């Protein structure tokens, strides 16, 4: 199992990336860069590429509605070139509040769009002449433009003709699609003990249609990492994060993370968290997060307990443990986990 970490969309990105350099020396395998509606991910990924030598660099995620399929492919190819073949393209549909509220485009047909974008990207990296019908007509039909468009292939030669594509997904149909066409899966708020009951059927259905050429599906999941006999209170630090997603990342009746919490068995708590959060009572919403939720999605506790959590994530199929190391020496924490995983 590899170990990775996340560069979130809050805080000073240069300070966060300086820490990535230290973690790379400690054995970090991958770094994931968030975007949301803050700084764009590719700029930060390029900066990481210039500051590091070995770590793989993934977007987590580029919203599929924010760029054309061709630009997504160009961006991934450019990052792969400047990083020496270390790029991972993480894609996701995001949600209607961000897509329509920030990008100003309709949140429509996420499954069909995702499938087409993945296919177009892979054909672009193989330097095929690109045409497409469906949600993204390429070239643009004459009756929708000047009529001067013609099929093209990417001018430059990508470092790799196949860049790994990971998809962030939570719903049944989206997870099934991920298991069918993606190189990897980026679930959020992942509780390993509950993963099979929530996603097992969808993963199996997608894998049944999966091309053997893709290999096994990579799964990136994890949480806070802290090791010690007195660190359990640090689990509470994840409560505002959980409350933000379960309560605030979406509207009533259209919040994928709230739906997930309910599927985990926290129906009443999910409803309460959302009601409090959307009423502006963020601290109360965080306090309403079930202790079990905060415990099981993180790796916080004495060494023996953290080893048990590592095994739980491994048994759930996680191939890259995505952690946020908390403590005075994050690099030492990564080194310790790498030693246990060896």
C-alpha atoms as a PDB file:
ATOM      1  CA  UNK A   1       0.000   0.000   0.000  1.00  0.00           C
ATOM      2  CA  UNK A   2       1.375   3.406  -1.035  1.00  0.00           C
ATOM      3  CA  UNK A   3       1.068   6.525   1.094  1.00  0.00           C
ATOM      4  CA  UNK A   4      -0.193   9.875  -0.147  1.00  0.00           C
ATOM      5  CA  UNK A   5      -1.354  13.223   1.175  1.00  0.00           C
ATOM      6  CA  UNK A   6      -3.587  16.085   0.100  1.00  0.00           C
ATOM      7  CA  UNK A   7      -2.915  19.764  -0.602  1.00  0.00           C
ATOM      8  CA  UNK A   8      -6.230  21.343   0.349  1.00  0.00           C
ATOM      9  CA  UNK A   9      -7.706  24.548  -1.041  1.00  0.00           C
ATOM     10  CA  UNK A  10      -7.239  26.472   2.232  1.00  0.00           C
ATOM     11  CA  UNK A  11      -4.026  27.949   3.577  1.00  0.00           C
ATOM     12  CA  UNK A  12      -0.868  29.242   1.926  1.00  0.00           C
ATOM     13  CA  UNK A  13      -0.115  26.835  -0.929  1.00  0.00           C
ATOM     14  CA  UNK A  14       3.632  27.575  -0.897  1.00  0.00           C
ATOM     15  CA  UNK A  15       3.862  26.608   2.779  1.00  0.00           C
ATOM     16  CA  UNK A  16       1.854  23.434   2.154  1.00  0.00           C
ATOM     17  CA  UNK A  17       4.040  22.492  -0.796  1.00  0.00           C
ATOM     18  CA  UNK A  18       7.223  23.066   1.200  1.00  0.00           C
ATOM     19  CA  UNK A  19       5.902  20.381   3.533  1.00  0.00           C
ATOM     20  CA  UNK A  20       5.380  18.072   0.545  1.00  0.00           C
ATOM     21  CA  UNK A  21       9.096  18.333  -0.216  1.00  0.00           C
ATOM     22  CA  UNK A  22       9.860  17.182   3.323  1.00  0.00           C
ATOM     23  CA  UNK A  23       7.327  14.359   3.129  1.00  0.00           C
ATOM     24  CA  UNK A  24       8.778  13.188  -0.181  1.00  0.00           C
ATOM     25  CA  UNK A  25      12.115  12.687   1.559  1.00  0.00           C
ATOM     26  CA  UNK A  26      10.275  10.654   4.203  1.00  0.00           C
ATOM     27  CA  UNK A  27       8.864   8.310   1.570  1.00  0.00           C
ATOM     28  CA  UNK A  28       5.619   9.920   0.402  1.00  0.00           C
ATOM     29  CA  UNK A  29       4.476   8.292  -2.846  1.00  0.00           C
ATOM     30  CA  UNK A  30       1.701  10.593  -4.084  1.00  0.00           C
ATOM     31  CA  UNK A  31       0.299  14.067  -3.491  1.00  0.00           C
ATOM     32  CA  UNK A  32      -3.224  15.149  -4.415  1.00  0.00           C
ATOM     33  CA  UNK A  33      -4.138  18.772  -5.122  1.00  0.00           C
ATOM     34  CA  UNK A  34      -7.676  20.014  -4.518  1.00  0.00           C
ATOM     35  CA  UNK A  35      -9.345  22.787  -6.499  1.00  0.00           C
ATOM     36  CA  UNK A  36     -13.012  23.513  -5.600  1.00  0.00           C
ATOM     37  CA  UNK A  37     -13.440  27.276  -6.170  1.00  0.00           C
ATOM     38  CA  UNK A  38     -10.091  28.433  -4.808  1.00  0.00           C
ATOM     39  CA  UNK A  39      -6.754  28.422  -6.601  1.00  0.00           C
ATOM     40  CA  UNK A  40      -6.665  26.206  -9.668  1.00  0.00           C
ATOM     41  CA  UNK A  41      -5.022  22.822  -9.166  1.00  0.00           C
ATOM     42  CA  UNK A  42      -2.775  22.627 -12.276  1.00  0.00           C
ATOM     43  CA  UNK A  43      -0.775  25.738 -11.331  1.00  0.00           C
ATOM     44  CA  UNK A  44       0.011  24.265  -7.914  1.00  0.00           C
ATOM     45  CA  UNK A  45       0.739  20.873  -9.468  1.00  0.00           C
ATOM     46  CA  UNK A  46       3.282  22.457 -11.780  1.00  0.00           C
ATOM     47  CA  UNK A  47       4.928  24.149  -8.797  1.00  0.00           C
ATOM     48  CA  UNK A  48       5.081  20.810  -6.978  1.00  0.00           C
ATOM     49  CA  UNK A  49       6.633  19.215 -10.056  1.00  0.00           C
ATOM     50  CA  UNK A  50       9.388  21.827 -10.009  1.00  0.00           C
ATOM     51  CA  UNK A  51      10.067  21.354  -6.286  1.00  0.00           C
ATOM     52  CA  UNK A  52      10.027  17.540  -6.134  1.00  0.00           C
ATOM     53  CA  UNK A  53      11.768  14.662  -7.860  1.00  0.00           C
ATOM     54  CA  UNK A  54       9.902  11.414  -7.254  1.00  0.00           C
ATOM     55  CA  UNK A  55       6.420  11.886  -5.827  1.00  0.00           C
ATOM     56  CA  UNK A  56       3.468  11.382  -8.168  1.00  0.00           C
ATOM     57  CA  UNK A  57       1.216  14.433  -8.532  1.00  0.00           C
ATOM     58  CA  UNK A  58      -2.535  14.120  -8.952  1.00  0.00           C
ATOM     59  CA  UNK A  59      -5.470  16.491  -9.223  1.00  0.00           C
ATOM     60  CA  UNK A  60      -8.205  15.772  -6.719  1.00  0.00           C
ATOM     61  CA  UNK A  61     -10.117  16.901  -8.529  1.00  0.00           C
ATOM     62  CA  UNK A  62     -10.508  18.819 -11.761  1.00  0.00           C
ATOM     63  CA  UNK A  63     -14.276  19.343 -12.172  1.00  0.00           C
ATOM     64  CA  UNK A  64     -15.328  17.987 -15.545  1.00  0.00           C
ATOM     65  CA  UNK A  65     -17.552  21.006 -16.248  1.00  0.00           C
ATOM     66  CA  UNK A  66     -14.824  23.618 -15.785  1.00  0.00           C
ATOM     67  CA  UNK A  67     -12.754  22.813 -18.881  1.00  0.00           C
ATOM     68  CA  UNK A  68     -13.254  21.328 -22.325  1.00  0.00           C
ATOM     69  CA  UNK A  69     -12.198  17.691 -22.761  1.00  0.00           C
ATOM     70  CA  UNK A  70      -9.334  18.796 -25.006  1.00  0.00           C
ATOM     71  CA  UNK A  71      -8.039  21.274 -22.429  1.00  0.00           C
ATOM     72  CA  UNK A  72      -8.238  18.645 -19.689  1.00  0.00           C
ATOM     73  CA  UNK A  73      -6.123  16.324 -21.845  1.00  0.00           C
ATOM     74  CA  UNK A  74      -3.659  19.108 -22.721  1.00  0.00           C
ATOM     75  CA  UNK A  75      -3.303  20.097 -19.077  1.00  0.00           C
ATOM     76  CA  UNK A  76      -2.613  16.531 -17.958  1.00  0.00           C
ATOM     77  CA  UNK A  77      -0.118  16.031 -20.797  1.00  0.00           C
ATOM     78  CA  UNK A  78       1.667  19.274 -19.930  1.00  0.00           C
ATOM     79  CA  UNK A  79       1.905  18.362 -16.250  1.00  0.00           C
ATOM     80  CA  UNK A  80       3.153  14.914 -17.197  1.00  0.00           C
ATOM     81  CA  UNK A  81       5.858  16.497 -19.333  1.00  0.00           C
ATOM     82  CA  UNK A  82       7.176  18.955 -16.741  1.00  0.00           C
ATOM     83  CA  UNK A  83       7.066  16.300 -14.005  1.00  0.00           C
ATOM     84  CA  UNK A  84       8.819  13.624 -16.013  1.00  0.00           C
ATOM     85  CA  UNK A  85       5.824  11.294 -16.234  1.00  0.00           C
ATOM     86  CA  UNK A  86       4.520  11.737 -12.683  1.00  0.00           C
ATOM     87  CA  UNK A  87       1.048  13.177 -13.355  1.00  0.00           C
ATOM     88  CA  UNK A  88      -2.255  11.596 -12.386  1.00  0.00           C
ATOM     89  CA  UNK A  89      -5.481  13.093 -13.742  1.00  0.00           C
ATOM     90  CA  UNK A  90      -8.131  13.105 -11.046  1.00  0.00           C
ATOM     91  CA  UNK A  91     -11.580  14.008 -12.350  1.00  0.00           C
ATOM     92  CA  UNK A  92     -14.982  14.459 -10.769  1.00  0.00           C
ATOM     93  CA  UNK A  93     -18.392  15.955 -11.389  1.00  0.00           C
ATOM     94  CA  UNK A  94     -18.254  18.143  -8.250  1.00  0.00           C
ATOM     95  CA  UNK A  95     -21.792  19.338  -7.434  1.00  0.00           C
ATOM     96  CA  UNK A  96     -24.431  21.700  -8.793  1.00  0.00           C
ATOM     97  CA  UNK A  97     -23.784  24.429  -6.218  1.00  0.00           C
ATOM     98  CA  UNK A  98     -20.178  24.876  -7.390  1.00  0.00           C
ATOM     99  CA  UNK A  99     -20.690  24.094 -11.076  1.00  0.00           C
ATOM    100  CA  UNK A 100     -23.713  26.331 -11.567  1.00  0.00           C
ATOM    101  CA  UNK A 101     -22.919  28.846  -8.821  1.00  0.00           C
ATOM    102  CA  UNK A 102     -19.234  29.360  -9.612  1.00  0.00           C
ATOM    103  CA  UNK A 103     -18.594  28.167 -13.168  1.00  0.00           C
ATOM    104  CA  UNK A 104     -22.015  29.216 -14.442  1.00  0.00           C
ATOM    105  CA  UNK A 105     -22.678  26.116 -16.526  1.00  0.00           C
ATOM    106  CA  UNK A 106     -25.524  23.604 -16.215  1.00  0.00           C
ATOM    107  CA  UNK A 107     -24.896  20.528 -14.063  1.00  0.00           C
ATOM    108  CA  UNK A 108     -26.219  18.000 -16.553  1.00  0.00           C
ATOM    109  CA  UNK A 109     -25.441  14.414 -17.589  1.00  0.00           C
ATOM    110  CA  UNK A 110     -22.455  13.850 -15.270  1.00  0.00           C
ATOM    111  CA  UNK A 111     -22.126  10.156 -16.091  1.00  0.00           C
ATOM    112  CA  UNK A 112     -22.217  10.566 -19.862  1.00  0.00           C
ATOM    113  CA  UNK A 113     -19.862  13.533 -19.745  1.00  0.00           C
ATOM    114  CA  UNK A 114     -17.384  11.669 -17.566  1.00  0.00           C
ATOM    115  CA  UNK A 115     -17.319   8.667 -19.893  1.00  0.00           C
ATOM    116  CA  UNK A 116     -16.778  10.858 -22.963  1.00  0.00           C
ATOM    117  CA  UNK A 117     -14.039  12.948 -21.342  1.00  0.00           C
ATOM    118  CA  UNK A 118     -12.094   9.859 -20.265  1.00  0.00           C
ATOM    119  CA  UNK A 119     -12.309   8.438 -23.779  1.00  0.00           C
ATOM    120  CA  UNK A 120     -11.338  11.727 -25.463  1.00  0.00           C
ATOM    121  CA  UNK A 121      -8.366  12.248 -23.142  1.00  0.00           C
ATOM    122  CA  UNK A 122      -6.988   8.790 -23.820  1.00  0.00           C
ATOM    123  CA  UNK A 123      -7.351   9.244 -27.579  1.00  0.00           C
ATOM    124  CA  UNK A 124      -5.646  12.648 -27.438  1.00  0.00           C
ATOM    125  CA  UNK A 125      -2.656  11.218 -25.542  1.00  0.00           C
ATOM    126  CA  UNK A 126      -2.365   8.513 -28.231  1.00  0.00           C
ATOM    127  CA  UNK A 127      -2.184  11.390 -30.747  1.00  0.00           C
ATOM    128  CA  UNK A 128      -5.281  10.336 -32.631  1.00  0.00           C
ATOM    129  CA  UNK A 129      -7.156  12.802 -34.809  1.00  0.00           C
ATOM    130  CA  UNK A 130     -10.066  13.737 -32.581  1.00  0.00           C
ATOM    131  CA  UNK A 131     -13.699  13.591 -33.521  1.00  0.00           C
ATOM    132  CA  UNK A 132     -16.562  13.007 -31.122  1.00  0.00           C
ATOM    133  CA  UNK A 133     -20.332  12.888 -31.051  1.00  0.00           C
ATOM    134  CA  UNK A 134     -22.500  13.243 -27.979  1.00  0.00           C
ATOM    135  CA  UNK A 135     -22.205  15.752 -25.163  1.00  0.00           C
ATOM    136  CA  UNK A 136     -19.007  17.166 -26.658  1.00  0.00           C
ATOM    137  CA  UNK A 137     -19.310  17.374 -30.467  1.00  0.00           C
ATOM    138  CA  UNK A 138     -15.822  17.703 -31.966  1.00  0.00           C
ATOM    139  CA  UNK A 139     -15.342  19.495 -34.306  1.00  0.00           C
ATOM    140  CA  UNK A 140     -18.161  21.884 -33.480  1.00  0.00           C
ATOM    141  CA  UNK A 141     -21.023  21.350 -35.971  1.00  0.00           C
ATOM    142  CA  UNK A 142     -21.224  24.012 -38.681  1.00  0.00           C
ATOM    143  CA  UNK A 143     -24.667  25.140 -37.557  1.00  0.00           C
ATOM    144  CA  UNK A 144     -23.281  25.944 -34.082  1.00  0.00           C
ATOM    145  CA  UNK A 145     -20.292  28.024 -35.185  1.00  0.00           C
ATOM    146  CA  UNK A 146     -18.437  29.290 -38.236  1.00  0.00           C
ATOM    147  CA  UNK A 147     -18.224  25.884 -39.891  1.00  0.00           C
ATOM    148  CA  UNK A 148     -14.421  26.234 -40.123  1.00  0.00           C
ATOM    149  CA  UNK A 149     -13.505  23.716 -37.453  1.00  0.00           C
ATOM    150  CA  UNK A 150     -11.644  20.573 -38.518  1.00  0.00           C
ATOM    151  CA  UNK A 151     -10.445  17.450 -36.703  1.00  0.00           C
ATOM    152  CA  UNK A 152      -7.014  17.860 -35.121  1.00  0.00           C
ATOM    153  CA  UNK A 153      -4.518  15.881 -33.089  1.00  0.00           C
ATOM    154  CA  UNK A 154      -2.384  17.230 -30.271  1.00  0.00           C
ATOM    155  CA  UNK A 155       0.615  19.153 -31.623  1.00  0.00           C
ATOM    156  CA  UNK A 156       3.113  17.921 -29.063  1.00  0.00           C
ATOM    157  CA  UNK A 157       4.152  14.386 -28.193  1.00  0.00           C
ATOM    158  CA  UNK A 158       2.977  13.438 -24.690  1.00  0.00           C
ATOM    159  CA  UNK A 159       5.577  11.831 -22.435  1.00  0.00           C
ATOM    160  CA  UNK A 160       3.182   8.930 -21.947  1.00  0.00           C
ATOM    161  CA  UNK A 161       0.439   7.750 -24.255  1.00  0.00           C
ATOM    162  CA  UNK A 162      -1.579   6.683 -21.205  1.00  0.00           C
ATOM    163  CA  UNK A 163      -1.785   8.937 -18.156  1.00  0.00           C
ATOM    164  CA  UNK A 164      -3.603   7.399 -15.165  1.00  0.00           C
ATOM    165  CA  UNK A 165      -7.145   8.699 -14.713  1.00  0.00           C
ATOM    166  CA  UNK A 166      -8.774   8.561 -11.283  1.00  0.00           C
ATOM    167  CA  UNK A 167     -12.414   9.482 -10.678  1.00  0.00           C
ATOM    168  CA  UNK A 168     -13.981  10.875  -7.516  1.00  0.00           C
ATOM    169  CA  UNK A 169     -17.382   9.272  -7.052  1.00  0.00           C
ATOM    170  CA  UNK A 170     -19.833   8.321  -4.318  1.00  0.00           C
ATOM    171  CA  UNK A 171     -23.186   7.412  -5.892  1.00  0.00           C
ATOM    172  CA  UNK A 172     -23.913   3.897  -7.122  1.00  0.00           C
ATOM    173  CA  UNK A 173     -23.951   4.639 -10.856  1.00  0.00           C
ATOM    174  CA  UNK A 174     -20.886   6.857 -10.687  1.00  0.00           C
ATOM    175  CA  UNK A 175     -18.918   4.320  -8.648  1.00  0.00           C
ATOM    176  CA  UNK A 176     -19.906   1.608 -11.119  1.00  0.00           C
ATOM    177  CA  UNK A 177     -18.670   3.792 -13.976  1.00  0.00           C
ATOM    178  CA  UNK A 178     -15.437   4.456 -12.092  1.00  0.00           C
ATOM    179  CA  UNK A 179     -14.789   0.745 -11.579  1.00  0.00           C
ATOM    180  CA  UNK A 180     -15.430   0.150 -15.274  1.00  0.00           C
ATOM    181  CA  UNK A 181     -13.329   2.845 -16.971  1.00  0.00           C
ATOM    182  CA  UNK A 182     -10.936   4.514 -14.497  1.00  0.00           C
ATOM    183  CA  UNK A 183      -7.447   3.599 -13.391  1.00  0.00           C
ATOM    184  CA  UNK A 184      -8.300   4.627  -9.843  1.00  0.00           C
ATOM    185  CA  UNK A 185     -11.064   5.685  -7.468  1.00  0.00           C
ATOM    186  CA  UNK A 186     -11.058   8.720  -5.141  1.00  0.00           C
ATOM    187  CA  UNK A 187     -13.791   8.215  -2.533  1.00  0.00           C
ATOM    188  CA  UNK A 188     -14.377  10.800   0.203  1.00  0.00           C
ATOM    189  CA  UNK A 189     -15.212  10.336   3.909  1.00  0.00           C
ATOM    190  CA  UNK A 190     -14.204   6.698   3.516  1.00  0.00           C
ATOM    191  CA  UNK A 191     -15.012   4.326   6.384  1.00  0.00           C
ATOM    192  CA  UNK A 192     -13.353   0.998   5.506  1.00  0.00           C
ATOM    193  CA  UNK A 193     -15.627  -1.140   7.672  1.00  0.00           C
ATOM    194  CA  UNK A 194     -18.697   0.188   5.846  1.00  0.00           C
ATOM    195  CA  UNK A 195     -17.290   0.374   2.302  1.00  0.00           C
ATOM    196  CA  UNK A 196     -18.396  -3.076   1.158  1.00  0.00           C
ATOM    197  CA  UNK A 197     -21.991  -2.626   2.282  1.00  0.00           C
ATOM    198  CA  UNK A 198     -22.232   0.800   0.634  1.00  0.00           C
ATOM    199  CA  UNK A 199     -20.267   0.314  -2.592  1.00  0.00           C
ATOM    200  CA  UNK A 200     -19.579  -3.409  -2.961  1.00  0.00           C
ATOM    201  CA  UNK A 201     -22.352  -4.093  -5.472  1.00  0.00           C
ATOM    202  CA  UNK A 202     -21.499  -1.062  -7.622  1.00  0.00           C
ATOM    203  CA  UNK A 203     -17.784  -1.864  -7.634  1.00  0.00           C
ATOM    204  CA  UNK A 204     -18.450  -5.462  -8.635  1.00  0.00           C
ATOM    205  CA  UNK A 205     -20.809  -4.415 -11.435  1.00  0.00           C
ATOM    206  CA  UNK A 206     -18.260  -1.976 -12.851  1.00  0.00           C
ATOM    207  CA  UNK A 207     -15.364  -4.406 -12.589  1.00  0.00           C
ATOM    208  CA  UNK A 208     -17.381  -6.993 -14.501  1.00  0.00           C
ATOM    209  CA  UNK A 209     -17.229  -4.658 -17.528  1.00  0.00           C
ATOM    210  CA  UNK A 210     -13.664  -3.504 -16.912  1.00  0.00           C
ATOM    211  CA  UNK A 211     -11.027  -3.947 -19.614  1.00  0.00           C
ATOM    212  CA  UNK A 212      -8.156  -6.179 -18.581  1.00  0.00           C
ATOM    213  CA  UNK A 213      -5.809  -3.568 -20.070  1.00  0.00           C
ATOM    214  CA  UNK A 214      -6.614  -1.235 -17.165  1.00  0.00           C
ATOM    215  CA  UNK A 215      -5.317  -3.601 -14.515  1.00  0.00           C
ATOM    216  CA  UNK A 216      -6.666  -3.569 -10.968  1.00  0.00           C
ATOM    217  CA  UNK A 217      -8.603  -0.541  -9.750  1.00  0.00           C
ATOM    218  CA  UNK A 218      -6.478   1.662  -7.487  1.00  0.00           C
ATOM    219  CA  UNK A 219      -8.285   3.065  -4.429  1.00  0.00           C
ATOM    220  CA  UNK A 220      -7.068   6.198  -2.643  1.00  0.00           C
ATOM    221  CA  UNK A 221      -8.577   6.811   0.796  1.00  0.00           C
ATOM    222  CA  UNK A 222      -7.635   7.700   4.344  1.00  0.00           C
ATOM    223  CA  UNK A 223      -7.808  10.511   6.887  1.00  0.00           C
ATOM    224  CA  UNK A 224      -5.936  12.213   9.697  1.00  0.00           C
ATOM    225  CA  UNK A 225      -2.787  10.480  10.956  1.00  0.00           C
ATOM    226  CA  UNK A 226      -1.551  10.927  14.516  1.00  0.00           C
ATOM    227  CA  UNK A 227       0.302   8.390  16.655  1.00  0.00           C
ATOM    228  CA  UNK A 228       0.558   8.493  20.436  1.00  0.00           C
ATOM    229  CA  UNK A 229      -1.063   7.561  23.735  1.00  0.00           C
ATOM    230  CA  UNK A 230      -2.690  10.978  24.152  1.00  0.00           C
ATOM    231  CA  UNK A 231      -3.763  11.901  20.617  1.00  0.00           C
ATOM    232  CA  UNK A 232      -7.356  10.614  20.563  1.00  0.00           C
ATOM    233  CA  UNK A 233      -8.736  14.158  21.148  1.00  0.00           C
ATOM    234  CA  UNK A 234      -7.232  15.096  17.782  1.00  0.00           C
ATOM    235  CA  UNK A 235     -10.035  13.120  16.156  1.00  0.00           C
ATOM    236  CA  UNK A 236     -12.307  16.011  17.073  1.00  0.00           C
ATOM    237  CA  UNK A 237     -10.290  18.183  14.677  1.00  0.00           C
ATOM    238  CA  UNK A 238     -11.913  16.286  11.816  1.00  0.00           C
ATOM    239  CA  UNK A 239     -15.441  17.121  12.970  1.00  0.00           C
ATOM    240  CA  UNK A 240     -15.615  20.557  11.235  1.00  0.00           C
ATOM    241  CA  UNK A 241     -14.368  18.943   8.012  1.00  0.00           C
ATOM    242  CA  UNK A 242     -16.993  16.197   8.175  1.00  0.00           C
ATOM    243  CA  UNK A 243     -19.686  18.738   9.072  1.00  0.00           C
ATOM    244  CA  UNK A 244     -18.692  20.955   6.136  1.00  0.00           C
ATOM    245  CA  UNK A 245     -19.237  18.141   3.669  1.00  0.00           C
ATOM    246  CA  UNK A 246     -22.203  16.398   5.264  1.00  0.00           C
ATOM    247  CA  UNK A 247     -23.894  19.665   6.166  1.00  0.00           C
ATOM    248  CA  UNK A 248     -22.734  22.326   3.759  1.00  0.00           C
ATOM    249  CA  UNK A 249     -21.493  20.848   0.491  1.00  0.00           C
ATOM    250  CA  UNK A 250     -24.829  20.884  -1.268  1.00  0.00           C
ATOM    251  CA  UNK A 251     -28.443  21.827  -0.755  1.00  0.00           C
ATOM    252  CA  UNK A 252     -31.128  19.946   1.120  1.00  0.00           C
ATOM    253  CA  UNK A 253     -32.010  16.938  -0.969  1.00  0.00           C
ATOM    254  CA  UNK A 254     -28.907  17.330  -3.178  1.00  0.00           C
ATOM    255  CA  UNK A 255     -25.868  16.674  -1.018  1.00  0.00           C
ATOM    256  CA  UNK A 256     -23.903  13.579  -2.033  1.00  0.00           C
ATOM    257  CA  UNK A 257     -21.925  13.542   1.223  1.00  0.00           C
ATOM    258  CA  UNK A 258     -25.073  13.753   3.314  1.00  0.00           C
ATOM    259  CA  UNK A 259     -26.447  10.842   1.321  1.00  0.00           C
ATOM    260  CA  UNK A 260     -23.271   8.886   2.098  1.00  0.00           C
ATOM    261  CA  UNK A 261     -23.543   9.567   5.840  1.00  0.00           C
ATOM    262  CA  UNK A 262     -27.096   8.236   5.725  1.00  0.00           C
ATOM    263  CA  UNK A 263     -25.950   5.114   3.888  1.00  0.00           C
ATOM    264  CA  UNK A 264     -23.340   4.608   6.587  1.00  0.00           C
ATOM    265  CA  UNK A 265     -26.228   4.378   9.059  1.00  0.00           C
ATOM    266  CA  UNK A 266     -26.119   7.915  10.432  1.00  0.00           C
ATOM    267  CA  UNK A 267     -29.518   9.034   9.093  1.00  0.00           C
ATOM    268  CA  UNK A 268     -30.660  11.104  12.065  1.00  0.00           C
ATOM    269  CA  UNK A 269     -27.220  12.595  12.614  1.00  0.00           C
ATOM    270  CA  UNK A 270     -26.867  13.539   8.939  1.00  0.00           C
ATOM    271  CA  UNK A 271     -30.188  15.344   9.006  1.00  0.00           C
ATOM    272  CA  UNK A 272     -29.253  17.211  12.187  1.00  0.00           C
ATOM    273  CA  UNK A 273     -25.796  18.179  10.890  1.00  0.00           C
ATOM    274  CA  UNK A 274     -27.263  19.574   7.686  1.00  0.00           C
ATOM    275  CA  UNK A 275     -29.993  21.497   9.472  1.00  0.00           C
ATOM    276  CA  UNK A 276     -27.506  23.085  11.865  1.00  0.00           C
ATOM    277  CA  UNK A 277     -24.909  23.849   9.204  1.00  0.00           C
ATOM    278  CA  UNK A 278     -27.324  25.442   6.769  1.00  0.00           C
ATOM    279  CA  UNK A 279     -28.707  27.529   9.655  1.00  0.00           C
ATOM    280  CA  UNK A 280     -25.242  28.967  10.236  1.00  0.00           C
ATOM    281  CA  UNK A 281     -24.583  26.924  13.382  1.00  0.00           C
ATOM    282  CA  UNK A 282     -21.314  25.390  12.218  1.00  0.00           C
ATOM    283  CA  UNK A 283     -19.884  24.626  15.653  1.00  0.00           C
ATOM    284  CA  UNK A 284     -23.057  22.843  16.691  1.00  0.00           C
ATOM    285  CA  UNK A 285     -23.004  20.923  13.396  1.00  0.00           C
ATOM    286  CA  UNK A 286     -19.445  19.779  14.079  1.00  0.00           C
ATOM    287  CA  UNK A 287     -20.406  18.681  17.582  1.00  0.00           C
ATOM    288  CA  UNK A 288     -23.230  16.591  16.097  1.00  0.00           C
ATOM    289  CA  UNK A 289     -20.822  14.456  14.040  1.00  0.00           C
ATOM    290  CA  UNK A 290     -20.919  10.910  15.473  1.00  0.00           C
ATOM    291  CA  UNK A 291     -17.786   9.971  17.390  1.00  0.00           C
ATOM    292  CA  UNK A 292     -17.650   6.684  15.502  1.00  0.00           C
ATOM    293  CA  UNK A 293     -17.608   8.535  12.169  1.00  0.00           C
ATOM    294  CA  UNK A 294     -14.652  10.668  13.260  1.00  0.00           C
ATOM    295  CA  UNK A 295     -12.849   7.638  14.630  1.00  0.00           C
ATOM    296  CA  UNK A 296     -13.263   5.166  11.778  1.00  0.00           C
ATOM    297  CA  UNK A 297     -12.329   7.472   8.892  1.00  0.00           C
ATOM    298  CA  UNK A 298      -9.083   8.511  10.609  1.00  0.00           C
ATOM    299  CA  UNK A 299      -5.897   6.867  11.880  1.00  0.00           C
ATOM    300  CA  UNK A 300      -5.489   8.497  15.269  1.00  0.00           C
ATOM    301  CA  UNK A 301      -4.376   6.722  18.448  1.00  0.00           C
ATOM    302  CA  UNK A 302      -1.612   4.612  19.985  1.00  0.00           C
ATOM    303  CA  UNK A 303       0.747   2.788  17.624  1.00  0.00           C
ATOM    304  CA  UNK A 304      -1.024  -0.544  17.992  1.00  0.00           C
ATOM    305  CA  UNK A 305      -4.395   1.006  17.213  1.00  0.00           C
ATOM    306  CA  UNK A 306      -3.079   2.857  14.149  1.00  0.00           C
ATOM    307  CA  UNK A 307      -1.656  -0.432  12.866  1.00  0.00           C
ATOM    308  CA  UNK A 308      -5.158  -1.910  13.197  1.00  0.00           C
ATOM    309  CA  UNK A 309      -6.578   0.996  11.194  1.00  0.00           C
ATOM    310  CA  UNK A 310      -3.952   0.446   8.490  1.00  0.00           C
ATOM    311  CA  UNK A 311      -5.072  -3.162   8.231  1.00  0.00           C
ATOM    312  CA  UNK A 312      -8.725  -2.124   8.032  1.00  0.00           C
ATOM    313  CA  UNK A 313      -8.037   0.188   5.096  1.00  0.00           C
ATOM    314  CA  UNK A 314      -5.941  -2.495   3.407  1.00  0.00           C
ATOM    315  CA  UNK A 315      -8.686  -5.107   3.817  1.00  0.00           C
ATOM    316  CA  UNK A 316     -11.167  -2.650   2.289  1.00  0.00           C
ATOM    317  CA  UNK A 317      -9.079  -2.610  -0.890  1.00  0.00           C
ATOM    318  CA  UNK A 318      -7.274   0.701  -0.386  1.00  0.00           C
ATOM    319  CA  UNK A 319      -4.042   0.747  -2.401  1.00  0.00           C
ATOM    320  CA  UNK A 320      -2.895   4.276  -1.503  1.00  0.00           C
ATOM    321  CA  UNK A 321      -3.438   5.480   2.044  1.00  0.00           C
ATOM    322  CA  UNK A 322      -4.208   9.199   1.821  1.00  0.00           C
ATOM    323  CA  UNK A 323      -3.261  10.816   5.138  1.00  0.00           C
ATOM    324  CA  UNK A 324      -3.019  14.222   6.749  1.00  0.00           C
ATOM    325  CA  UNK A 325      -0.182  13.847   9.286  1.00  0.00           C
ATOM    326  CA  UNK A 326      -0.830  15.839  12.464  1.00  0.00           C
ATOM    327  CA  UNK A 327       1.978  16.589  14.908  1.00  0.00           C
ATOM    328  CA  UNK A 328       5.280  18.363  15.386  1.00  0.00           C
ATOM    329  CA  UNK A 329       7.060  16.118  12.889  1.00  0.00           C
ATOM    330  CA  UNK A 330       4.785  15.062   9.998  1.00  0.00           C
ATOM    331  CA  UNK A 331       7.719  13.546   8.098  1.00  0.00           C
ATOM    332  CA  UNK A 332       8.454  11.203  11.004  1.00  0.00           C
ATOM    333  CA  UNK A 333       4.831  10.034  10.960  1.00  0.00           C
ATOM    334  CA  UNK A 334       5.073   9.229   7.257  1.00  0.00           C
ATOM    335  CA  UNK A 335       8.339   7.377   7.836  1.00  0.00           C
ATOM    336  CA  UNK A 336       6.735   5.311  10.600  1.00  0.00           C
ATOM    337  CA  UNK A 337       3.746   4.336   8.484  1.00  0.00           C
ATOM    338  CA  UNK A 338       5.984   3.499   5.526  1.00  0.00           C
ATOM    339  CA  UNK A 339       7.962   1.201   7.818  1.00  0.00           C
ATOM    340  CA  UNK A 340       4.777  -0.557   8.960  1.00  0.00           C
ATOM    341  CA  UNK A 341       3.565  -0.937   5.392  1.00  0.00           C
ATOM    342  CA  UNK A 342       6.875  -2.381   4.138  1.00  0.00           C
END
